Structures are given as C-alpha cells and as structure tokens.
Amino acid sequence: MSIGFTEILLIVVFVLLVFGAKRIPELARALGRASYEFKKAKENLISEGEECARAAEKAGEQNTSCATEAPALPKDENQAG
C-alpha cells in the first residue's frame, strides 16, 4: 500500500486550509529543528552506550552498568504510603 499523487495532493490542500500559506514555512522549520534535535539525542545515546561498552570491556566486567542512579520520584500524596 503506497501513497499516490491524489492522496499527497489532498494532504497538501488540507494543510493549506488548516494552517494557511504563511505558516507553512514556519511549521517546516519547526519540524526540521525537532528532527535535528531528535537525531542529535539519538546519536548521543548511541555514543554513550558505546563508551559504556568500551569501559566495561576495558575493566573486564560483563555486567557493568554505566547508567547513573535514577532520580527519586516525588511521592504522590494521594497514595497510601
């Protein structure tokens, strides 16, 4: 199942009607920035994982955790505790 020309044309017309022609470049820039930030965060996570694996390999340990301790969650006042 693929998207054909008619479907793409309908999507473009819908976006034009909803957002207006003046806001489309602004939305495209915001989408580009969000995509860039997502990609950068993904690359950072991958590099941190690789660094952790190298450190564990260098130390000769198999079950080494490089993750820092998770922050404490605030206690929910509605829960019995």
PDB file of N, CA and C in Angstrom:
ATOM      1  N   MET A   1       0.850  -1.170   0.000  1.00  0.00           N
ATOM      2  CA  MET A   1       0.000   0.000   0.000  1.00  0.00           C
ATOM      3  C   MET A   1       0.897   1.234   0.000  1.00  0.00           C
ATOM      4  N   SER A   2       0.752   2.074  -0.994  1.00  0.00           N
ATOM      5  CA  SER A   2       1.566   3.277  -1.079  1.00  0.00           C
ATOM      6  C   SER A   2       0.673   4.501  -1.247  1.00  0.00           C
ATOM      7  N   ILE A   3       1.244   5.633  -0.950  1.00  0.00           N
ATOM      8  CA  ILE A   3       0.501   6.889  -1.082  1.00  0.00           C
ATOM      9  C   ILE A   3       0.688   7.392  -2.505  1.00  0.00           C
ATOM     10  N   GLY A   4      -0.395   7.647  -3.174  1.00  0.00           N
ATOM     11  CA  GLY A   4      -0.347   8.126  -4.538  1.00  0.00           C
ATOM     12  C   GLY A   4      -0.393   9.642  -4.615  1.00  0.00           C
ATOM     13  N   PHE A   5      -0.366  10.139  -5.837  1.00  0.00           N
ATOM     14  CA  PHE A   5      -0.365  11.581  -6.072  1.00  0.00           C
ATOM     15  C   PHE A   5      -1.626  12.236  -5.523  1.00  0.00           C
ATOM     16  N   THR A   6      -2.756  11.596  -5.689  1.00  0.00           N
ATOM     17  CA  THR A   6      -4.027  12.162  -5.223  1.00  0.00           C
ATOM     18  C   THR A   6      -4.032  12.334  -3.710  1.00  0.00           C
ATOM     19  N   GLU A   7      -3.544  11.338  -3.001  1.00  0.00           N
ATOM     20  CA  GLU A   7      -3.505  11.436  -1.541  1.00  0.00           C
ATOM     21  C   GLU A   7      -2.576  12.550  -1.086  1.00  0.00           C
ATOM     22  N   ILE A   8      -1.405  12.656  -1.733  1.00  0.00           N
ATOM     23  CA  ILE A   8      -0.464  13.723  -1.383  1.00  0.00           C
ATOM     24  C   ILE A   8      -1.085  15.085  -1.661  1.00  0.00           C
ATOM     25  N   LEU A   9      -1.767  15.212  -2.784  1.00  0.00           N
ATOM     26  CA  LEU A   9      -2.421  16.476  -3.128  1.00  0.00           C
ATOM     27  C   LEU A   9      -3.490  16.836  -2.101  1.00  0.00           C
ATOM     28  N   LEU A  10      -4.274  15.863  -1.660  1.00  0.00           N
ATOM     29  CA  LEU A  10      -5.288  16.116  -0.636  1.00  0.00           C
ATOM     30  C   LEU A  10      -4.655  16.547   0.686  1.00  0.00           C
ATOM     31  N   ILE A  11      -3.551  15.932   1.054  1.00  0.00           N
ATOM     32  CA  ILE A  11      -2.860  16.313   2.287  1.00  0.00           C
ATOM     33  C   ILE A  11      -2.349  17.744   2.189  1.00  0.00           C
ATOM     34  N   VAL A  12      -1.755  18.108   1.060  1.00  0.00           N
ATOM     35  CA  VAL A  12      -1.245  19.472   0.868  1.00  0.00           C
ATOM     36  C   VAL A  12      -2.380  20.483   0.938  1.00  0.00           C
ATOM     37  N   VAL A  13      -3.491  20.200   0.296  1.00  0.00           N
ATOM     38  CA  VAL A  13      -4.642  21.107   0.331  1.00  0.00           C
ATOM     39  C   VAL A  13      -5.170  21.231   1.756  1.00  0.00           C
ATOM     40  N   PHE A  14      -5.251  20.134   2.467  1.00  0.00           N
ATOM     41  CA  PHE A  14      -5.719  20.158   3.855  1.00  0.00           C
ATOM     42  C   PHE A  14      -4.802  21.015   4.723  1.00  0.00           C
ATOM     43  N   VAL A  15      -3.493  20.834   4.573  1.00  0.00           N
ATOM     44  CA  VAL A  15      -2.534  21.624   5.355  1.00  0.00           C
ATOM     45  C   VAL A  15      -2.667  23.104   5.016  1.00  0.00           C
ATOM     46  N   LEU A  16      -2.829  23.425   3.745  1.00  0.00           N
ATOM     47  CA  LEU A  16      -3.012  24.826   3.346  1.00  0.00           C
ATOM     48  C   LEU A  16      -4.266  25.424   3.967  1.00  0.00           C
ATOM     49  N   LEU A  17      -5.339  24.655   3.989  1.00  0.00           N
ATOM     50  CA  LEU A  17      -6.586  25.157   4.561  1.00  0.00           C
ATOM     51  C   LEU A  17      -6.499  25.329   6.072  1.00  0.00           C
ATOM     52  N   VAL A  18      -5.861  24.396   6.735  1.00  0.00           N
ATOM     53  CA  VAL A  18      -5.801  24.439   8.194  1.00  0.00           C
ATOM     54  C   VAL A  18      -4.813  25.493   8.683  1.00  0.00           C
ATOM     55  N   PHE A  19      -3.613  25.523   8.123  1.00  0.00           N
ATOM     56  CA  PHE A  19      -2.570  26.396   8.649  1.00  0.00           C
ATOM     57  C   PHE A  19      -2.398  27.691   7.871  1.00  0.00           C
ATOM     58  N   GLY A  20      -2.783  27.725   6.630  1.00  0.00           N
ATOM     59  CA  GLY A  20      -2.579  28.917   5.819  1.00  0.00           C
ATOM     60  C   GLY A  20      -1.195  28.909   5.197  1.00  0.00           C
ATOM     61  N   ALA A  21      -1.063  29.589   4.078  1.00  0.00           N
ATOM     62  CA  ALA A  21       0.191  29.572   3.325  1.00  0.00           C
ATOM     63  C   ALA A  21       1.325  30.260   4.075  1.00  0.00           C
ATOM     64  N   LYS A  22       1.018  31.240   4.905  1.00  0.00           N
ATOM     65  CA  LYS A  22       2.071  31.985   5.601  1.00  0.00           C
ATOM     66  C   LYS A  22       2.725  31.174   6.710  1.00  0.00           C
ATOM     67  N   ARG A  23       2.001  30.244   7.304  1.00  0.00           N
ATOM     68  CA  ARG A  23       2.544  29.485   8.435  1.00  0.00           C
ATOM     69  C   ARG A  23       3.273  28.215   8.020  1.00  0.00           C
ATOM     70  N   ILE A  24       3.143  27.788   6.788  1.00  0.00           N
ATOM     71  CA  ILE A  24       3.767  26.535   6.357  1.00  0.00           C
ATOM     72  C   ILE A  24       5.292  26.579   6.461  1.00  0.00           C
ATOM     73  N   PRO A  25       5.986  27.644   6.009  1.00  0.00           N
ATOM     74  CA  PRO A  25       7.447  27.669   6.189  1.00  0.00           C
ATOM     75  C   PRO A  25       7.855  27.625   7.663  1.00  0.00           C
ATOM     76  N   GLU A  26       7.089  28.301   8.499  1.00  0.00           N
ATOM     77  CA  GLU A  26       7.356  28.296   9.939  1.00  0.00           C
ATOM     78  C   GLU A  26       7.213  26.877  10.504  1.00  0.00           C
ATOM     79  N   LEU A  27       6.168  26.185  10.095  1.00  0.00           N
ATOM     80  CA  LEU A  27       5.956  24.810  10.548  1.00  0.00           C
ATOM     81  C   LEU A  27       7.044  23.876  10.026  1.00  0.00           C
ATOM     82  N   ALA A  28       7.477  24.091   8.792  1.00  0.00           N
ATOM     83  CA  ALA A  28       8.534  23.257   8.218  1.00  0.00           C
ATOM     84  C   ALA A  28       9.844  23.456   8.976  1.00  0.00           C
ATOM     85  N   ARG A  29      10.156  24.704   9.339  1.00  0.00           N
ATOM     86  CA  ARG A  29      11.368  24.968  10.120  1.00  0.00           C
ATOM     87  C   ARG A  29      11.296  24.290  11.480  1.00  0.00           C
ATOM     88  N   ALA A  30      10.148  24.399  12.134  1.00  0.00           N
ATOM     89  CA  ALA A  30       9.979  23.779  13.451  1.00  0.00           C
ATOM     90  C   ALA A  30      10.115  22.261  13.344  1.00  0.00           C
ATOM     91  N   LEU A  31       9.553  21.678  12.306  1.00  0.00           N
ATOM     92  CA  LEU A  31       9.671  20.235  12.096  1.00  0.00           C
ATOM     93  C   LEU A  31      11.121  19.838  11.838  1.00  0.00           C
ATOM     94  N   GLY A  32      11.836  20.649  11.069  1.00  0.00           N
ATOM     95  CA  GLY A  32      13.250  20.390  10.807  1.00  0.00           C
ATOM     96  C   GLY A  32      14.084  20.463  12.070  1.00  0.00           C
ATOM     97  N   ARG A  33      13.817  21.475  12.905  1.00  0.00           N
ATOM     98  CA  ARG A  33      14.547  21.605  14.169  1.00  0.00           C
ATOM     99  C   ARG A  33      14.268  20.417  15.080  1.00  0.00           C
ATOM    100  N   ALA A  34      13.010  20.018  15.158  1.00  0.00           N
ATOM    101  CA  ALA A  34      12.647  18.880  16.004  1.00  0.00           C
ATOM    102  C   ALA A  34      13.324  17.605  15.509  1.00  0.00           C
ATOM    103  N   SER A  35      13.359  17.419  14.208  1.00  0.00           N
ATOM    104  CA  SER A  35      14.015  16.251  13.630  1.00  0.00           C
ATOM    105  C   SER A  35      15.507  16.265  13.944  1.00  0.00           C
ATOM    106  N   TYR A  36      16.138  17.443  13.839  1.00  0.00           N
ATOM    107  CA  TYR A  36      17.561  17.579  14.138  1.00  0.00           C
ATOM    108  C   TYR A  36      17.838  17.259  15.601  1.00  0.00           C
ATOM    109  N   GLU A  37      17.025  17.795  16.505  1.00  0.00           N
ATOM    110  CA  GLU A  37      17.215  17.547  17.934  1.00  0.00           C
ATOM    111  C   GLU A  37      17.028  16.063  18.266  1.00  0.00           C
ATOM    112  N   PHE A  38      16.046  15.440  17.654  1.00  0.00           N
ATOM    113  CA  PHE A  38      15.813  14.009  17.873  1.00  0.00           C
ATOM    114  C   PHE A  38      17.010  13.194  17.407  1.00  0.00           C
ATOM    115  N   LYS A  39      17.516  13.527  16.227  1.00  0.00           N
ATOM    116  CA  LYS A  39      18.655  12.811  15.677  1.00  0.00           C
ATOM    117  C   LYS A  39      19.894  12.999  16.554  1.00  0.00           C
ATOM    118  N   LYS A  40      20.094  14.228  17.044  1.00  0.00           N
ATOM    119  CA  LYS A  40      21.239  14.517  17.905  1.00  0.00           C
ATOM    120  C   LYS A  40      21.143  13.742  19.220  1.00  0.00           C
ATOM    121  N   ALA A  41      19.949  13.692  19.805  1.00  0.00           N
ATOM    122  CA  ALA A  41      19.756  12.954  21.054  1.00  0.00           C
ATOM    123  C   ALA A  41      19.994  11.462  20.841  1.00  0.00           C
ATOM    124  N   LYS A  42      19.526  10.946  19.719  1.00  0.00           N
ATOM    125  CA  LYS A  42      19.733   9.529  19.405  1.00  0.00           C
ATOM    126  C   LYS A  42      21.220   9.221  19.270  1.00  0.00           C
ATOM    127  N   GLU A  43      21.960  10.083  18.580  1.00  0.00           N
ATOM    128  CA  GLU A  43      23.393   9.876  18.414  1.00  0.00           C
ATOM    129  C   GLU A  43      24.120   9.949  19.751  1.00  0.00           C
ATOM    130  N   ASN A  44      23.691  10.861  20.631  1.00  0.00           N
ATOM    131  CA  ASN A  44      24.299  10.956  21.961  1.00  0.00           C
ATOM    132  C   ASN A  44      24.077   9.677  22.761  1.00  0.00           C
ATOM    133  N   LEU A  45      22.865   9.137  22.701  1.00  0.00           N
ATOM    134  CA  LEU A  45      22.580   7.893  23.417  1.00  0.00           C
ATOM    135  C   LEU A  45      23.420   6.735  22.887  1.00  0.00           C
ATOM    136  N   ILE A  46      23.558   6.672  21.581  1.00  0.00           N
ATOM    137  CA  ILE A  46      24.357   5.605  20.978  1.00  0.00           C
ATOM    138  C   ILE A  46      25.815   5.736  21.398  1.00  0.00           C
ATOM    139  N   SER A  47      26.352   6.962  21.355  1.00  0.00           N
ATOM    140  CA  SER A  47      27.760   7.141  21.720  1.00  0.00           C
ATOM    141  C   SER A  47      27.987   6.854  23.202  1.00  0.00           C
ATOM    142  N   GLU A  48      27.030   7.216  24.056  1.00  0.00           N
ATOM    143  CA  GLU A  48      27.156   6.903  25.479  1.00  0.00           C
ATOM    144  C   GLU A  48      27.148   5.391  25.706  1.00  0.00           C
ATOM    145  N   GLY A  49      26.307   4.689  24.977  1.00  0.00           N
ATOM    146  CA  GLY A  49      26.263   3.234  25.087  1.00  0.00           C
ATOM    147  C   GLY A  49      27.562   2.597  24.634  1.00  0.00           C
ATOM    148  N   GLU A  50      28.126   3.128  23.548  1.00  0.00           N
ATOM    149  CA  GLU A  50      29.401   2.602  23.063  1.00  0.00           C
ATOM    150  C   GLU A  50      30.518   2.875  24.063  1.00  0.00           C
ATOM    151  N   GLU A  51      30.518   4.073  24.661  1.00  0.00           N
ATOM    152  CA  GLU A  51      31.523   4.399  25.675  1.00  0.00           C
ATOM    153  C   GLU A  51      31.392   3.469  26.878  1.00  0.00           C
ATOM    154  N   CYS A  52      30.169   3.195  27.273  1.00  0.00           N
ATOM    155  CA  CYS A  52      29.916   2.296  28.397  1.00  0.00           C
ATOM    156  C   CYS A  52      30.428   0.894  28.076  1.00  0.00           C
ATOM    157  N   ALA A  53      30.168   0.431  26.871  1.00  0.00           N
ATOM    158  CA  ALA A  53      30.616  -0.902  26.472  1.00  0.00           C
ATOM    159  C   ALA A  53      32.138  -0.976  26.453  1.00  0.00           C
ATOM    160  N   ARG A  54      32.791   0.088  25.950  1.00  0.00           N
ATOM    161  CA  ARG A  54      34.253   0.110  25.934  1.00  0.00           C
ATOM    162  C   ARG A  54      34.822   0.113  27.349  1.00  0.00           C
ATOM    163  N   ALA A  55      34.206   0.885  28.235  1.00  0.00           N
ATOM    164  CA  ALA A  55      34.676   0.950  29.620  1.00  0.00           C
ATOM    165  C   ALA A  55      34.508  -0.400  30.307  1.00  0.00           C
ATOM    166  N   ALA A  56      33.391  -1.059  30.057  1.00  0.00           N
ATOM    167  CA  ALA A  56      33.153  -2.370  30.657  1.00  0.00           C
ATOM    168  C   ALA A  56      34.132  -3.397  30.108  1.00  0.00           C
ATOM    169  N   GLU A  57      34.401  -3.315  28.815  1.00  0.00           N
ATOM    170  CA  GLU A  57      35.340  -4.247  28.196  1.00  0.00           C
ATOM    171  C   GLU A  57      36.747  -4.016  28.740  1.00  0.00           C
ATOM    172  N   LYS A  58      37.096  -2.760  28.914  1.00  0.00           N
ATOM    173  CA  LYS A  58      38.417  -2.413  29.429  1.00  0.00           C
ATOM    174  C   LYS A  58      38.579  -2.891  30.874  1.00  0.00           C
ATOM    175  N   ALA A  59      37.509  -2.786  31.647  1.00  0.00           N
ATOM    176  CA  ALA A  59      37.550  -3.217  33.040  1.00  0.00           C
ATOM    177  C   ALA A  59      37.442  -4.733  33.157  1.00  0.00           C
ATOM    178  N   GLY A  60      37.034  -5.396  32.090  1.00  0.00           N
ATOM    179  CA  GLY A  60      36.926  -6.845  32.100  1.00  0.00           C
ATOM    180  C   GLY A  60      35.676  -7.351  32.784  1.00  0.00           C
ATOM    181  N   GLU A  61      34.691  -6.499  32.935  1.00  0.00           N
ATOM    182  CA  GLU A  61      33.451  -6.894  33.598  1.00  0.00           C
ATOM    183  C   GLU A  61      32.358  -7.056  32.553  1.00  0.00           C
ATOM    184  N   GLN A  62      31.508  -8.028  32.780  1.00  0.00           N
ATOM    185  CA  GLN A  62      30.431  -8.262  31.830  1.00  0.00           C
ATOM    186  C   GLN A  62      29.155  -7.541  32.223  1.00  0.00           C
ATOM    187  N   ASN A  63      28.829  -7.477  33.490  1.00  0.00           N
ATOM    188  CA  ASN A  63      27.570  -6.892  33.944  1.00  0.00           C
ATOM    189  C   ASN A  63      27.781  -5.506  34.542  1.00  0.00           C
ATOM    190  N   THR A  64      28.493  -4.665  33.839  1.00  0.00           N
ATOM    191  CA  THR A  64      28.744  -3.314  34.320  1.00  0.00           C
ATOM    192  C   THR A  64      27.622  -2.407  33.857  1.00  0.00           C
ATOM    193  N   SER A  65      27.144  -1.611  34.757  1.00  0.00           N
ATOM    194  CA  SER A  65      26.093  -0.658  34.411  1.00  0.00           C
ATOM    195  C   SER A  65      26.677   0.742  34.440  1.00  0.00           C
ATOM    196  N   CYS A  66      26.607   1.442  33.325  1.00  0.00           N
ATOM    197  CA  CYS A  66      27.118   2.807  33.257  1.00  0.00           C
ATOM    198  C   CYS A  66      26.043   3.819  33.592  1.00  0.00           C
ATOM    199  N   ALA A  67      24.844   3.362  33.711  1.00  0.00           N
ATOM    200  CA  ALA A  67      23.747   4.288  33.982  1.00  0.00           C
ATOM    201  C   ALA A  67      23.877   4.832  35.394  1.00  0.00           C
ATOM    202  N   THR A  68      23.572   6.107  35.525  1.00  0.00           N
ATOM    203  CA  THR A  68      23.572   6.705  36.849  1.00  0.00           C
ATOM    204  C   THR A  68      22.290   6.320  37.553  1.00  0.00           C
ATOM    205  N   GLU A  69      22.272   6.513  38.835  1.00  0.00           N
ATOM    206  CA  GLU A  69      21.085   6.160  39.607  1.00  0.00           C
ATOM    207  C   GLU A  69      19.915   7.026  39.162  1.00  0.00           C
ATOM    208  N   ALA A  70      18.770   6.412  39.004  1.00  0.00           N
ATOM    209  CA  ALA A  70      17.578   7.139  38.573  1.00  0.00           C
ATOM    210  C   ALA A  70      17.162   8.116  39.661  1.00  0.00           C
ATOM    211  N   PRO A  71      16.714   9.304  39.267  1.00  0.00           N
ATOM    212  CA  PRO A  71      16.282  10.266  40.276  1.00  0.00           C
ATOM    213  C   PRO A  71      15.045   9.763  41.001  1.00  0.00           C
ATOM    214  N   ALA A  72      14.957  10.128  42.250  1.00  0.00           N
ATOM    215  CA  ALA A  72      13.807   9.711  43.051  1.00  0.00           C
ATOM    216  C   ALA A  72      12.553  10.388  42.533  1.00  0.00           C
ATOM    217  N   LEU A  73      11.499   9.617  42.444  1.00  0.00           N
ATOM    218  CA  LEU A  73      10.225  10.166  42.007  1.00  0.00           C
ATOM    219  C   LEU A  73       9.539  10.834  43.186  1.00  0.00           C
ATOM    220  N   PRO A  74       8.867  11.946  42.928  1.00  0.00           N
ATOM    221  CA  PRO A  74       8.156  12.585  44.036  1.00  0.00           C
ATOM    222  C   PRO A  74       7.041  11.682  44.539  1.00  0.00           C
ATOM    223  N   LYS A  75       6.846  11.679  45.826  1.00  0.00           N
ATOM    224  CA  LYS A  75       5.827  10.832  46.423  1.00  0.00           C
ATOM    225  C   LYS A  75       4.455  11.421  46.126  1.00  0.00           C
ATOM    226  N   ASP A  76       3.569  10.579  45.643  1.00  0.00           N
ATOM    227  CA  ASP A  76       2.211  11.013  45.344  1.00  0.00           C
ATOM    228  C   ASP A  76       1.433  11.102  46.653  1.00  0.00           C
ATOM    229  N   GLU A  77       0.891  12.274  46.926  1.00  0.00           N
ATOM    230  CA  GLU A  77       0.176  12.488  48.182  1.00  0.00           C
ATOM    231  C   GLU A  77      -1.110  11.675  48.274  1.00  0.00           C
ATOM    232  N   ASN A  78      -1.662  11.279  47.127  1.00  0.00           N
ATOM    233  CA  ASN A  78      -2.915  10.525  47.114  1.00  0.00           C
ATOM    234  C   ASN A  78      -2.709   9.047  47.411  1.00  0.00           C
ATOM    235  N   GLN A  79      -1.472   8.566  47.292  1.00  0.00           N
ATOM    236  CA  GLN A  79      -1.202   7.158  47.543  1.00  0.00           C
ATOM    237  C   GLN A  79      -0.979   6.935  49.029  1.00  0.00           C
ATOM    238  N   ALA A  80      -1.414   5.783  49.469  1.00  0.00           N
ATOM    239  CA  ALA A  80      -1.155   5.417  50.865  1.00  0.00           C
ATOM    240  C   ALA A  80       0.304   5.018  50.967  1.00  0.00           C
ATOM    241  N   GLY A  81       0.996   5.483  51.965  1.00  0.00           N
ATOM    242  CA  GLY A  81       2.392   5.149  51.954  1.00  0.00           C
ATOM    243  C   GLY A  81       2.996   5.205  53.248  1.00  0.00           C
TER     244      GLY A  81
END
